[in-house]
Amino acid sequence: MIVSRARCTNGPDQPFIPTTVERRDPGPRDVLIDIAYAGICHSDVEHARCLRGGKTIYPIVPGHEIAGIVAAVGADVRQFRVGDRVGVGNMVDACGVCENCQAGLEQYCSGGRTMTYNSTGRDGKPTYGGYSQNVVVDEGFVVRIPTGIALHNAAPLLCAGITMYSPLRHWRAGPGSKVAVIGFGGLGHVGVQMVRALGARATVLDLTPDKRDDALRLGAHDYRLSTDPDTFVALANVFDLIISTVPIHADLDRYLGLLARDGVYVNLAVPTQPLNVSATALLTNRRSIAGTRSGGIAETQEMLDFCAEHGIGAEVELIHADGIDDAYRRLLAGNVRFRFVIDNSTL
């Protein structure tokens, strides 16, 4: 077994503390990764603080935005070599045989996915995430990080990036499309760059004006306040695609009113209450509401290559491992531009 330094929390109200976790010795298809950086996702906070209703396995070591360097490979590994720059997202295993896995859509595995942390592996033991020194992962769930993206800027792409890229590709955002992104945070600031690179027109809808300059700098064509009633008048029936990155409980009908004919509203967040919508809002313009779950491994690699080609990366604030609790507080308060990333050398 490999002993790995890590940071864990032992309860929803407990601070993060130094600890060690055991990693399996690399098997024939395994890749041992020395983790350089780990992004902090809102999902990390939700699991660590047990905000999703009693589904947390303590002690928990979060982190599913992992960027690092290959330290060792198993005898049957063919895709990676020692020294390669690689990443791991929110999955480390899936059944591999169901229809979804066979289609390269492991995120919808009907046989049961194994998540990077707060899950149970095939060996029956809890999985531990990227707030740690290293990790051992089957090569089928490792992706290559192109040299054009710095590792600390790449880490958040393993969740925030693919979560935005997958719906943009699925609903064919491109030249001539008009896309609105609700929320200009960890996901939204990456998504806007992608929309622009795909050749579509990007509009940001956010609560406050303080992110306007950043949004325009990163590629948004327009920035509107969702708190301004005039926004919903001026942009009525405009968008082909709206992607919501925030768990809003506002009047969903108002946002659907921004969709053009056959427009789609894609919800990425997990609100604590059910979404409410009137039938009339859907019937008008033949609108749709959809959801999507991250992306598969092949699509994640495609996303990273796309980002490298177009100079897209997350804008991050590097933090010391001792600063995780403070980062969580700031993240919940919306005080980050635009993603916290742990420098794992500080573990």
Protein backbone atom coordinates (compact mmCIF):
# COMPACT_ATOMS: atom_id res chain seq x y z
CA MET A 1 0.00 0.00 0.00
CA ILE A 2 1.01 3.61 -0.58
CA VAL A 3 0.59 6.09 2.26
CA SER A 4 -0.44 9.53 1.03
CA ARG A 5 -0.52 12.80 2.93
CA ALA A 6 -3.95 14.42 2.75
CA ARG A 7 -6.40 16.86 4.29
CA CYS A 8 -9.69 15.54 5.62
CA THR A 9 -12.68 16.63 7.64
CA ASN A 10 -14.41 14.33 10.12
CA GLY A 11 -17.82 15.98 10.22
CA PRO A 12 -19.98 18.68 8.65
CA ASP A 13 -18.87 21.28 11.19
CA GLN A 14 -15.28 20.09 11.59
CA PRO A 15 -12.21 21.85 10.19
CA PHE A 16 -9.87 20.27 7.68
CA ILE A 17 -6.89 18.61 9.34
CA PRO A 18 -3.73 16.83 8.16
CA THR A 19 -4.11 13.07 7.81
CA THR A 20 -2.86 10.15 5.75
CA VAL A 21 -4.80 7.82 3.48
CA GLU A 22 -3.86 4.50 1.92
CA ARG A 23 -3.65 4.11 -1.84
CA ARG A 24 -3.49 0.70 -3.48
CA ASP A 25 -0.27 -0.38 -5.14
CA PRO A 26 -0.62 0.17 -8.90
CA GLY A 27 -2.09 -2.84 -10.69
CA PRO A 28 -1.44 -3.73 -14.35
CA ARG A 29 -3.78 -1.02 -15.69
CA ASP A 30 -3.19 1.58 -12.99
CA VAL A 31 -1.50 4.97 -13.10
CA LEU A 32 0.09 6.48 -10.00
CA ILE A 33 -0.19 10.27 -10.12
CA ASP A 34 1.69 12.75 -7.98
CA ILE A 35 -0.94 15.46 -7.52
CA ALA A 36 0.36 18.98 -8.12
CA TYR A 37 -2.92 20.89 -7.84
CA ALA A 38 -6.50 20.19 -6.79
CA GLY A 39 -9.37 22.53 -7.56
CA ILE A 40 -12.07 23.28 -5.02
CA CYS A 41 -15.51 22.72 -6.51
CA HIS A 42 -18.81 23.74 -4.95
CA SER A 43 -19.63 20.03 -4.84
CA ASP A 44 -16.68 19.57 -2.50
CA VAL A 45 -18.29 21.96 -0.05
CA GLU A 46 -21.68 20.28 -0.40
CA HIS A 47 -20.24 16.85 0.38
CA ALA A 48 -17.79 17.91 3.07
CA ARG A 49 -20.42 20.00 4.87
CA CYS A 50 -23.12 17.37 4.27
CA LEU A 51 -25.37 19.81 2.44
CA ARG A 52 -26.88 17.08 0.25
CA GLY A 53 -28.74 15.27 2.99
CA GLY A 54 -26.72 12.63 4.82
CA LYS A 55 -24.74 11.18 1.94
CA THR A 56 -21.23 11.92 3.20
CA ILE A 57 -18.77 9.20 4.25
CA TYR A 58 -16.50 10.57 6.98
CA PRO A 59 -13.60 11.08 7.16
CA ILE A 60 -13.79 12.65 3.73
CA VAL A 61 -10.92 13.79 1.51
CA PRO A 62 -12.60 15.80 -1.27
CA GLY A 63 -11.22 16.89 -4.61
CA HIS A 64 -12.20 15.85 -8.13
CA GLU A 65 -10.30 18.46 -10.13
CA ILE A 66 -6.90 16.80 -10.11
CA ALA A 67 -3.83 17.80 -12.12
CA GLY A 68 -0.45 16.18 -11.71
CA ILE A 69 2.42 14.12 -13.06
CA VAL A 70 2.57 10.39 -13.70
CA ALA A 71 4.92 8.78 -11.16
CA ALA A 72 4.47 5.11 -12.13
CA VAL A 73 2.42 2.94 -14.46
CA GLY A 74 1.27 -0.67 -14.43
CA ALA A 75 2.65 -3.26 -16.81
CA ASP A 76 -0.37 -3.13 -19.15
CA VAL A 77 -0.70 0.66 -19.33
CA ARG A 78 -0.30 1.85 -22.92
CA GLN A 79 -1.56 5.44 -22.93
CA PHE A 80 0.73 7.05 -20.34
CA ARG A 81 4.35 7.15 -19.29
CA VAL A 82 6.19 8.40 -16.24
CA GLY A 83 6.48 12.18 -16.44
CA ASP A 84 3.26 12.77 -18.41
CA ARG A 85 1.02 15.67 -17.40
CA VAL A 86 -2.38 14.20 -16.56
CA GLY A 87 -5.69 14.87 -14.88
CA VAL A 88 -8.53 13.07 -13.14
CA GLY A 89 -12.11 14.30 -12.87
CA ASN A 90 -15.06 13.17 -10.81
CA MET A 91 -15.03 9.47 -11.81
CA VAL A 92 -12.42 6.79 -11.27
CA ASP A 93 -14.41 3.74 -12.38
CA ALA A 94 -17.60 2.58 -14.09
CA CYS A 95 -19.04 -0.77 -15.10
CA GLY A 96 -17.66 -0.51 -18.65
CA VAL A 97 -20.29 -2.83 -20.12
CA CYS A 98 -23.61 -0.99 -20.01
CA GLU A 99 -24.98 0.81 -23.04
CA ASN A 100 -23.90 4.19 -21.76
CA CYS A 101 -20.34 3.12 -20.99
CA GLN A 102 -20.07 1.49 -24.40
CA ALA A 103 -21.14 4.79 -25.95
CA GLY A 104 -18.41 6.68 -24.10
CA LEU A 105 -20.93 8.22 -21.71
CA GLU A 106 -19.53 6.86 -18.46
CA GLN A 107 -21.16 9.71 -16.55
CA TYR A 108 -24.50 7.95 -17.11
CA CYS A 109 -23.24 4.45 -16.26
CA SER A 110 -26.24 2.32 -15.34
CA GLY A 111 -24.05 -0.24 -13.61
CA GLY A 112 -22.84 2.24 -11.02
CA ARG A 113 -20.01 4.75 -11.20
CA THR A 114 -17.23 5.01 -8.65
CA MET A 115 -16.68 8.64 -7.82
CA THR A 116 -13.25 10.08 -7.08
CA TYR A 117 -14.20 10.62 -3.45
CA ASN A 118 -17.12 9.94 -1.10
CA SER A 119 -17.80 6.71 -2.95
CA THR A 120 -17.01 3.03 -2.52
CA GLY A 121 -14.55 1.33 -4.82
CA ARG A 122 -14.62 -2.22 -6.14
CA ASP A 123 -12.50 -3.24 -3.16
CA GLY A 124 -15.27 -2.11 -0.83
CA LYS A 125 -13.19 0.73 0.59
CA PRO A 126 -14.01 4.46 0.53
CA THR A 127 -12.44 6.54 -2.21
CA TYR A 128 -10.39 9.61 -1.33
CA GLY A 129 -9.96 12.62 -3.57
CA GLY A 130 -7.42 15.16 -4.68
CA TYR A 131 -6.71 16.99 -1.44
CA SER A 132 -3.86 14.50 -1.15
CA GLN A 133 -0.32 13.76 -2.19
CA ASN A 134 -1.07 11.17 -4.84
CA VAL A 135 -3.75 8.93 -6.28
CA VAL A 136 -3.91 5.61 -8.12
CA VAL A 137 -6.41 5.45 -11.00
CA ASP A 138 -7.22 3.02 -13.79
CA GLU A 139 -5.75 4.44 -17.02
CA GLY A 140 -9.22 4.49 -18.58
CA PHE A 141 -10.16 7.34 -16.24
CA VAL A 142 -7.01 9.41 -16.69
CA VAL A 143 -6.74 12.18 -19.28
CA ARG A 144 -3.74 13.94 -20.76
CA ILE A 145 -3.26 17.64 -20.04
CA PRO A 146 -1.78 19.40 -23.09
CA THR A 147 1.38 21.41 -22.57
CA GLY A 148 -0.46 24.57 -23.63
CA ILE A 149 -2.32 24.73 -20.30
CA ALA A 150 -0.54 25.30 -16.98
CA LEU A 151 -1.44 22.57 -14.50
CA HIS A 152 -3.00 24.95 -11.97
CA ASN A 153 -5.19 26.49 -14.69
CA ALA A 154 -6.09 23.03 -16.00
CA ALA A 155 -7.21 21.50 -12.70
CA PRO A 156 -10.68 23.17 -12.61
CA LEU A 157 -11.30 22.13 -16.20
CA LEU A 158 -11.60 18.53 -14.98
CA CYS A 159 -15.00 19.43 -13.51
CA ALA A 160 -16.02 23.00 -14.28
CA GLY A 161 -14.65 22.79 -17.80
CA ILE A 162 -16.22 19.53 -18.89
CA THR A 163 -19.50 20.34 -17.15
CA MET A 164 -19.83 23.39 -19.41
CA TYR A 165 -18.30 21.87 -22.54
CA SER A 166 -20.57 18.82 -22.64
CA PRO A 167 -23.89 20.70 -22.99
CA LEU A 168 -22.37 23.23 -25.38
CA ARG A 169 -21.34 20.38 -27.66
CA HIS A 170 -24.50 18.33 -27.20
CA TRP A 171 -26.79 21.25 -28.06
CA ARG A 172 -24.49 22.32 -30.89
CA ALA A 173 -23.49 25.80 -29.83
CA GLY A 174 -21.64 27.38 -32.72
CA PRO A 175 -21.64 30.16 -35.32
CA GLY A 176 -25.05 31.82 -35.41
CA SER A 177 -26.14 30.52 -31.98
CA LYS A 178 -26.99 32.78 -29.09
CA VAL A 179 -26.06 31.38 -25.69
CA ALA A 180 -26.79 32.78 -22.24
CA VAL A 181 -24.80 31.68 -19.19
CA ILE A 182 -26.49 32.22 -15.84
CA GLY A 183 -23.87 32.88 -13.19
CA PHE A 184 -20.33 34.08 -13.82
CA GLY A 185 -18.40 31.98 -11.34
CA GLY A 186 -16.22 28.88 -11.48
CA LEU A 187 -18.23 27.27 -14.28
CA GLY A 188 -19.54 30.39 -15.95
CA HIS A 189 -16.19 32.08 -16.53
CA VAL A 190 -14.88 28.98 -18.31
CA GLY A 191 -18.13 28.50 -20.21
CA VAL A 192 -18.08 32.01 -21.64
CA GLN A 193 -14.60 31.41 -23.04
CA MET A 194 -15.83 28.20 -24.66
CA VAL A 195 -18.93 29.83 -26.14
CA ARG A 196 -16.77 32.52 -27.73
CA ALA A 197 -14.26 29.95 -29.06
CA LEU A 198 -17.11 27.92 -30.59
CA GLY A 199 -18.16 30.98 -32.56
CA ALA A 200 -21.45 31.57 -30.73
CA ARG A 201 -22.64 34.81 -29.13
CA ALA A 202 -22.27 34.78 -25.35
CA THR A 203 -24.40 36.70 -22.87
CA VAL A 204 -23.88 36.55 -19.12
CA LEU A 205 -26.79 36.88 -16.69
CA ASP A 206 -25.65 37.62 -13.15
CA LEU A 207 -26.91 39.24 -9.96
CA THR A 208 -24.45 42.10 -9.64
CA PRO A 209 -22.47 44.34 -12.00
CA ASP A 210 -19.08 43.75 -10.38
CA LYS A 211 -18.11 40.92 -12.74
CA ARG A 212 -19.03 42.76 -15.94
CA ASP A 213 -15.48 43.77 -16.88
CA ASP A 214 -14.15 40.26 -16.32
CA ALA A 215 -16.96 38.73 -18.36
CA LEU A 216 -16.34 41.04 -21.30
CA ARG A 217 -12.58 40.48 -21.03
CA LEU A 218 -13.06 36.71 -21.21
CA GLY A 219 -15.28 36.82 -24.26
CA ALA A 220 -18.85 37.74 -23.35
CA HIS A 221 -20.60 39.89 -25.93
CA ASP A 222 -23.13 41.16 -23.41
CA TYR A 223 -23.63 41.25 -19.64
CA ARG A 224 -27.06 41.73 -18.11
CA LEU A 225 -28.36 41.84 -14.57
CA SER A 226 -30.91 39.19 -13.68
CA THR A 227 -32.14 41.57 -10.97
CA ASP A 228 -33.20 44.12 -13.61
CA PRO A 229 -36.74 43.53 -14.97
CA ASP A 230 -35.74 45.26 -18.21
CA THR A 231 -33.37 42.37 -18.93
CA PHE A 232 -36.28 40.00 -19.41
CA VAL A 233 -38.04 42.44 -21.70
CA ALA A 234 -35.04 43.27 -23.87
CA LEU A 235 -33.93 39.65 -24.27
CA ALA A 236 -37.30 37.96 -24.67
CA ASN A 237 -37.29 35.13 -27.25
CA VAL A 238 -33.59 35.63 -28.04
CA PHE A 239 -31.51 32.62 -26.96
CA ASP A 240 -31.06 29.22 -28.53
CA LEU A 241 -29.44 27.86 -25.38
CA ILE A 242 -29.39 28.95 -21.74
CA ILE A 243 -27.05 27.18 -19.34
CA SER A 244 -27.70 27.76 -15.66
CA THR A 245 -24.71 27.22 -13.36
CA VAL A 246 -26.47 28.36 -10.18
CA PRO A 247 -29.14 26.69 -8.00
CA ILE A 248 -31.72 29.41 -8.56
CA HIS A 249 -35.18 29.34 -7.02
CA ALA A 250 -36.32 32.37 -8.97
CA ASP A 251 -39.26 32.42 -11.37
CA LEU A 252 -38.08 29.88 -13.95
CA ASP A 253 -40.78 31.00 -16.35
CA ARG A 254 -38.99 34.34 -16.70
CA TYR A 255 -35.82 32.61 -17.89
CA LEU A 256 -37.72 30.34 -20.26
CA GLY A 257 -39.20 33.50 -21.73
CA LEU A 258 -35.73 34.35 -23.00
CA LEU A 259 -35.64 31.25 -25.25
CA ALA A 260 -36.26 31.45 -28.97
CA ARG A 261 -38.17 28.77 -30.85
CA ASP A 262 -36.83 25.31 -29.97
CA GLY A 263 -34.58 26.88 -27.36
CA VAL A 264 -33.26 24.75 -24.50
CA TYR A 265 -32.72 25.68 -20.85
CA VAL A 266 -30.03 23.42 -19.37
CA ASN A 267 -29.79 23.13 -15.61
CA LEU A 268 -26.38 22.17 -14.20
CA ALA A 269 -26.88 23.01 -10.53
CA VAL A 270 -28.70 21.03 -7.85
CA PRO A 271 -31.24 23.29 -6.16
CA THR A 272 -32.48 22.30 -2.73
CA GLN A 273 -36.07 22.67 -3.95
CA PRO A 274 -37.82 21.30 -7.05
CA LEU A 275 -37.86 23.41 -10.20
CA ASN A 276 -41.25 24.97 -10.88
CA VAL A 277 -42.41 25.85 -14.37
CA SER A 278 -45.73 26.49 -16.07
CA ALA A 279 -46.86 24.48 -19.07
CA THR A 280 -47.46 27.71 -20.97
CA ALA A 281 -43.79 28.70 -20.71
CA LEU A 282 -42.83 25.39 -22.33
CA LEU A 283 -45.53 25.40 -25.01
CA THR A 284 -44.53 28.86 -26.16
CA ASN A 285 -41.78 28.58 -28.78
CA ARG A 286 -41.60 24.78 -28.28
CA ARG A 287 -39.10 25.24 -25.47
CA SER A 288 -37.36 22.50 -23.48
CA ILE A 289 -35.78 22.09 -20.05
CA ALA A 290 -32.87 19.68 -19.79
CA GLY A 291 -30.19 18.53 -17.40
CA THR A 292 -26.76 17.12 -17.97
CA ARG A 293 -24.17 15.33 -15.86
CA SER A 294 -20.56 16.36 -16.52
CA GLY A 295 -19.01 14.43 -19.43
CA GLY A 296 -17.41 11.14 -20.41
CA ILE A 297 -13.68 10.47 -20.49
CA ALA A 298 -13.25 10.84 -24.27
CA GLU A 299 -15.21 14.09 -24.22
CA THR A 300 -13.11 15.34 -21.32
CA GLN A 301 -9.96 14.75 -23.37
CA GLU A 302 -11.60 16.51 -26.31
CA MET A 303 -12.40 19.45 -24.03
CA LEU A 304 -8.82 19.75 -22.79
CA ASP A 305 -7.47 19.68 -26.34
CA PHE A 306 -10.02 22.32 -27.36
CA CYS A 307 -9.03 24.54 -24.44
CA ALA A 308 -5.34 24.23 -25.29
CA GLU A 309 -6.02 25.08 -28.91
CA HIS A 310 -8.00 28.20 -27.97
CA GLY A 311 -6.01 29.38 -24.98
CA ILE A 312 -8.77 28.64 -22.48
CA GLY A 313 -8.01 28.01 -18.84
CA ALA A 314 -9.56 28.64 -15.45
CA GLU A 315 -8.58 31.82 -13.65
CA VAL A 316 -7.57 30.68 -10.20
CA GLU A 317 -6.47 31.73 -6.75
CA LEU A 318 -3.79 29.37 -5.46
CA ILE A 319 -4.10 28.55 -1.79
CA HIS A 320 -2.10 26.74 0.89
CA ALA A 321 -3.59 23.52 2.22
CA ASP A 322 -4.06 25.27 5.56
CA GLY A 323 -6.50 27.64 3.85
CA ILE A 324 -9.17 25.14 2.80
CA ASP A 325 -11.68 26.12 5.49
CA ASP A 326 -11.33 29.81 4.66
CA ALA A 327 -11.69 29.03 0.96
CA TYR A 328 -14.92 27.15 1.69
CA ARG A 329 -16.29 30.15 3.58
CA ARG A 330 -15.36 32.51 0.79
CA LEU A 331 -16.77 30.19 -1.87
CA LEU A 332 -20.14 30.02 -0.13
CA ALA A 333 -20.07 33.82 0.09
CA GLY A 334 -19.27 34.13 -3.62
CA ASN A 335 -15.92 35.74 -2.85
CA VAL A 336 -13.60 34.13 -5.40
CA ARG A 337 -12.41 34.99 -8.90
CA PHE A 338 -12.97 32.40 -10.10
CA ARG A 339 -11.75 29.09 -8.69
CA PHE A 340 -9.71 28.14 -5.64
CA VAL A 341 -6.92 25.67 -6.35
CA ILE A 342 -4.84 23.96 -3.67
CA ASP A 343 -1.09 23.89 -4.17
CA ASN A 344 -0.57 20.29 -3.10
CA SER A 345 3.10 20.89 -2.34
CA THR A 346 1.80 22.59 0.83
CA LEU A 347 0.19 19.40 2.17
